[in-house]
Amino acid sequence: MQPTISIPQHWGYPCFAFNQRRHQGLILGLYCYPSGTELAEQFDEGWRYVLMPNKNSDEISYLQENQIQPLSPEELFTQITAEIDFYQQQIAIRQQQLAAITGGASNG
């Protein structure tokens, strides 16, 4: 079953979604300053996004929609390809470890 998030109709719909890659990082969360609230009057109404520059960072940023820049298809391709290469290397390492375990067990 897919998780569902309900957004009140009067809030408008966010432009970006969880786990999307952007120039500023990966979108981890979002929240809204709805129209007519004190926060919206003080900081402008609309969606705010929580982004992490990379998965190994403990740094996060909070940005408005107009501050977020999408990646070009080429940049997105490069990022995803690099991640696939990383995980393929990890798989190869684990396969070598398993081979060493199973090969070593028959020798003992």
C-alpha atoms as a PDB file:
ATOM      1  CA  MET A   1       0.000   0.000   0.000  1.00  0.00           C
ATOM      2  CA  GLN A   2       1.376   3.393  -1.003  1.00  0.00           C
ATOM      3  CA  PRO A   3       1.522   6.086   1.683  1.00  0.00           C
ATOM      4  CA  THR A   4      -0.849   8.956   1.049  1.00  0.00           C
ATOM      5  CA  ILE A   5      -0.410  12.590   1.970  1.00  0.00           C
ATOM      6  CA  SER A   6      -3.493  14.788   1.998  1.00  0.00           C
ATOM      7  CA  ILE A   7      -3.044  18.469   1.236  1.00  0.00           C
ATOM      8  CA  PRO A   8      -5.924  20.839   1.915  1.00  0.00           C
ATOM      9  CA  GLN A   9      -7.240  22.268  -1.366  1.00  0.00           C
ATOM     10  CA  HIS A  10      -6.835  25.879  -0.257  1.00  0.00           C
ATOM     11  CA  TRP A  11      -3.063  25.351   0.239  1.00  0.00           C
ATOM     12  CA  GLY A  12      -2.241  24.780  -3.406  1.00  0.00           C
ATOM     13  CA  TYR A  13      -0.064  21.921  -4.563  1.00  0.00           C
ATOM     14  CA  PRO A  14       3.732  21.849  -4.088  1.00  0.00           C
ATOM     15  CA  CYS A  15       5.938  22.021  -7.191  1.00  0.00           C
ATOM     16  CA  PHE A  16       8.408  19.427  -5.935  1.00  0.00           C
ATOM     17  CA  ALA A  17       8.105  16.033  -4.257  1.00  0.00           C
ATOM     18  CA  PHE A  18       9.994  14.001  -1.692  1.00  0.00           C
ATOM     19  CA  ASN A  19      13.256  12.442  -2.837  1.00  0.00           C
ATOM     20  CA  GLN A  20      13.625  14.619  -5.947  1.00  0.00           C
ATOM     21  CA  ARG A  21      17.173  15.627  -6.832  1.00  0.00           C
ATOM     22  CA  ARG A  22      17.836  19.338  -7.308  1.00  0.00           C
ATOM     23  CA  HIS A  23      20.937  21.546  -7.575  1.00  0.00           C
ATOM     24  CA  GLN A  24      20.662  22.279  -3.872  1.00  0.00           C
ATOM     25  CA  GLY A  25      20.351  18.592  -2.963  1.00  0.00           C
ATOM     26  CA  LEU A  26      17.774  15.927  -2.258  1.00  0.00           C
ATOM     27  CA  ILE A  27      14.295  16.962  -1.074  1.00  0.00           C
ATOM     28  CA  LEU A  28      13.694  15.344   2.317  1.00  0.00           C
ATOM     29  CA  GLY A  29      10.623  17.196   3.459  1.00  0.00           C
ATOM     30  CA  LEU A  30       8.244  20.029   2.871  1.00  0.00           C
ATOM     31  CA  TYR A  31       5.928  22.259   4.826  1.00  0.00           C
ATOM     32  CA  CYS A  32       3.537  25.048   4.037  1.00  0.00           C
ATOM     33  CA  TYR A  33       2.872  28.541   5.314  1.00  0.00           C
ATOM     34  CA  PRO A  34      -0.794  28.748   4.316  1.00  0.00           C
ATOM     35  CA  SER A  35      -2.396  32.036   3.335  1.00  0.00           C
ATOM     36  CA  GLY A  36      -3.921  33.965   6.194  1.00  0.00           C
ATOM     37  CA  THR A  37      -1.555  32.671   8.869  1.00  0.00           C
ATOM     38  CA  GLU A  38       0.883  34.679  10.921  1.00  0.00           C
ATOM     39  CA  LEU A  39       3.846  32.776   9.448  1.00  0.00           C
ATOM     40  CA  ALA A  40       2.660  33.497   5.911  1.00  0.00           C
ATOM     41  CA  GLU A  41       2.324  37.187   6.707  1.00  0.00           C
ATOM     42  CA  GLN A  42       5.777  37.274   8.256  1.00  0.00           C
ATOM     43  CA  PHE A  43       7.686  35.038   5.801  1.00  0.00           C
ATOM     44  CA  ASP A  44       5.464  34.860   2.667  1.00  0.00           C
ATOM     45  CA  GLU A  45       2.931  32.140   2.044  1.00  0.00           C
ATOM     46  CA  GLY A  46       3.752  28.980   0.177  1.00  0.00           C
ATOM     47  CA  TRP A  47       5.761  25.814   0.338  1.00  0.00           C
ATOM     48  CA  ARG A  48       9.155  25.426   1.978  1.00  0.00           C
ATOM     49  CA  TYR A  49      11.427  22.491   1.250  1.00  0.00           C
ATOM     50  CA  VAL A  50      14.000  20.718   3.376  1.00  0.00           C
ATOM     51  CA  LEU A  51      17.014  19.699   1.285  1.00  0.00           C
ATOM     52  CA  MET A  52      20.206  17.772   2.054  1.00  0.00           C
ATOM     53  CA  PRO A  53      23.164  18.517  -0.259  1.00  0.00           C
ATOM     54  CA  ASN A  54      24.151  14.828  -0.393  1.00  0.00           C
ATOM     55  CA  LYS A  55      23.344  11.611   1.410  1.00  0.00           C
ATOM     56  CA  ASN A  56      26.550  11.744   3.460  1.00  0.00           C
ATOM     57  CA  SER A  57      25.885  15.210   4.833  1.00  0.00           C
ATOM     58  CA  ASP A  58      24.362  16.237   8.126  1.00  0.00           C
ATOM     59  CA  GLU A  59      23.750  19.694   6.678  1.00  0.00           C
ATOM     60  CA  ILE A  60      20.255  20.703   5.562  1.00  0.00           C
ATOM     61  CA  SER A  61      18.770  23.827   4.037  1.00  0.00           C
ATOM     62  CA  TYR A  62      15.270  25.265   4.025  1.00  0.00           C
ATOM     63  CA  LEU A  63      14.270  26.873   0.748  1.00  0.00           C
ATOM     64  CA  GLN A  64      11.222  28.363  -0.930  1.00  0.00           C
ATOM     65  CA  GLU A  65      10.063  27.017  -4.289  1.00  0.00           C
ATOM     66  CA  ASN A  66      11.551  29.945  -6.192  1.00  0.00           C
ATOM     67  CA  GLN A  67      14.989  29.231  -4.665  1.00  0.00           C
ATOM     68  CA  ILE A  68      15.154  25.644  -5.924  1.00  0.00           C
ATOM     69  CA  GLN A  69      16.769  24.910  -9.280  1.00  0.00           C
ATOM     70  CA  PRO A  70      16.104  21.676 -11.157  1.00  0.00           C
ATOM     71  CA  LEU A  71      18.920  19.590 -12.562  1.00  0.00           C
ATOM     72  CA  SER A  72      19.285  19.334 -16.314  1.00  0.00           C
ATOM     73  CA  PRO A  73      18.574  15.891 -17.791  1.00  0.00           C
ATOM     74  CA  GLU A  74      22.327  15.485 -18.326  1.00  0.00           C
ATOM     75  CA  GLU A  75      23.141  16.343 -14.704  1.00  0.00           C
ATOM     76  CA  LEU A  76      20.436  13.997 -13.451  1.00  0.00           C
ATOM     77  CA  PHE A  77      21.733  11.223 -15.735  1.00  0.00           C
ATOM     78  CA  THR A  78      25.278  11.743 -14.434  1.00  0.00           C
ATOM     79  CA  GLN A  79      24.178  11.628 -10.789  1.00  0.00           C
ATOM     80  CA  ILE A  80      22.063   8.507 -11.213  1.00  0.00           C
ATOM     81  CA  THR A  81      24.730   6.744 -13.280  1.00  0.00           C
ATOM     82  CA  ALA A  82      27.363   7.490 -10.615  1.00  0.00           C
ATOM     83  CA  GLU A  83      25.059   6.095  -7.942  1.00  0.00           C
ATOM     84  CA  ILE A  84      24.429   2.931  -9.977  1.00  0.00           C
ATOM     85  CA  ASP A  85      28.199   2.501 -10.478  1.00  0.00           C
ATOM     86  CA  PHE A  86      28.770   2.907  -6.736  1.00  0.00           C
ATOM     87  CA  TYR A  87      26.190   0.248  -5.866  1.00  0.00           C
ATOM     88  CA  GLN A  88      27.491  -2.124  -8.544  1.00  0.00           C
ATOM     89  CA  GLN A  89      30.953  -1.829  -6.963  1.00  0.00           C
ATOM     90  CA  GLN A  90      29.438  -2.548  -3.559  1.00  0.00           C
ATOM     91  CA  ILE A  91      27.688  -5.627  -4.958  1.00  0.00           C
ATOM     92  CA  ALA A  92      30.961  -6.874  -6.489  1.00  0.00           C
ATOM     93  CA  ILE A  93      32.730  -6.430  -3.146  1.00  0.00           C
ATOM     94  CA  ARG A  94      29.985  -8.344  -1.314  1.00  0.00           C
ATOM     95  CA  GLN A  95      30.111 -11.119  -3.921  1.00  0.00           C
ATOM     96  CA  GLN A  96      33.870 -11.427  -3.352  1.00  0.00           C
ATOM     97  CA  GLN A  97      33.290 -11.584   0.390  1.00  0.00           C
ATOM     98  CA  LEU A  98      30.689 -14.322  -0.060  1.00  0.00           C
ATOM     99  CA  ALA A  99      33.033 -16.253  -2.345  1.00  0.00           C
ATOM    100  CA  ALA A 100      35.785 -16.011   0.261  1.00  0.00           C
ATOM    101  CA  ILE A 101      33.416 -17.292   2.955  1.00  0.00           C
ATOM    102  CA  THR A 102      32.067 -20.202   0.924  1.00  0.00           C
ATOM    103  CA  GLY A 103      35.506 -21.050  -0.496  1.00  0.00           C
ATOM    104  CA  GLY A 104      37.115 -20.849   2.942  1.00  0.00           C
ATOM    105  CA  ALA A 105      34.436 -23.054   4.550  1.00  0.00           C
ATOM    106  CA  SER A 106      35.146 -25.958   2.196  1.00  0.00           C
ATOM    107  CA  ASN A 107      38.886 -25.768   2.912  1.00  0.00           C
ATOM    108  CA  GLY A 108      38.475 -25.987   6.712  1.00  0.00           C
END
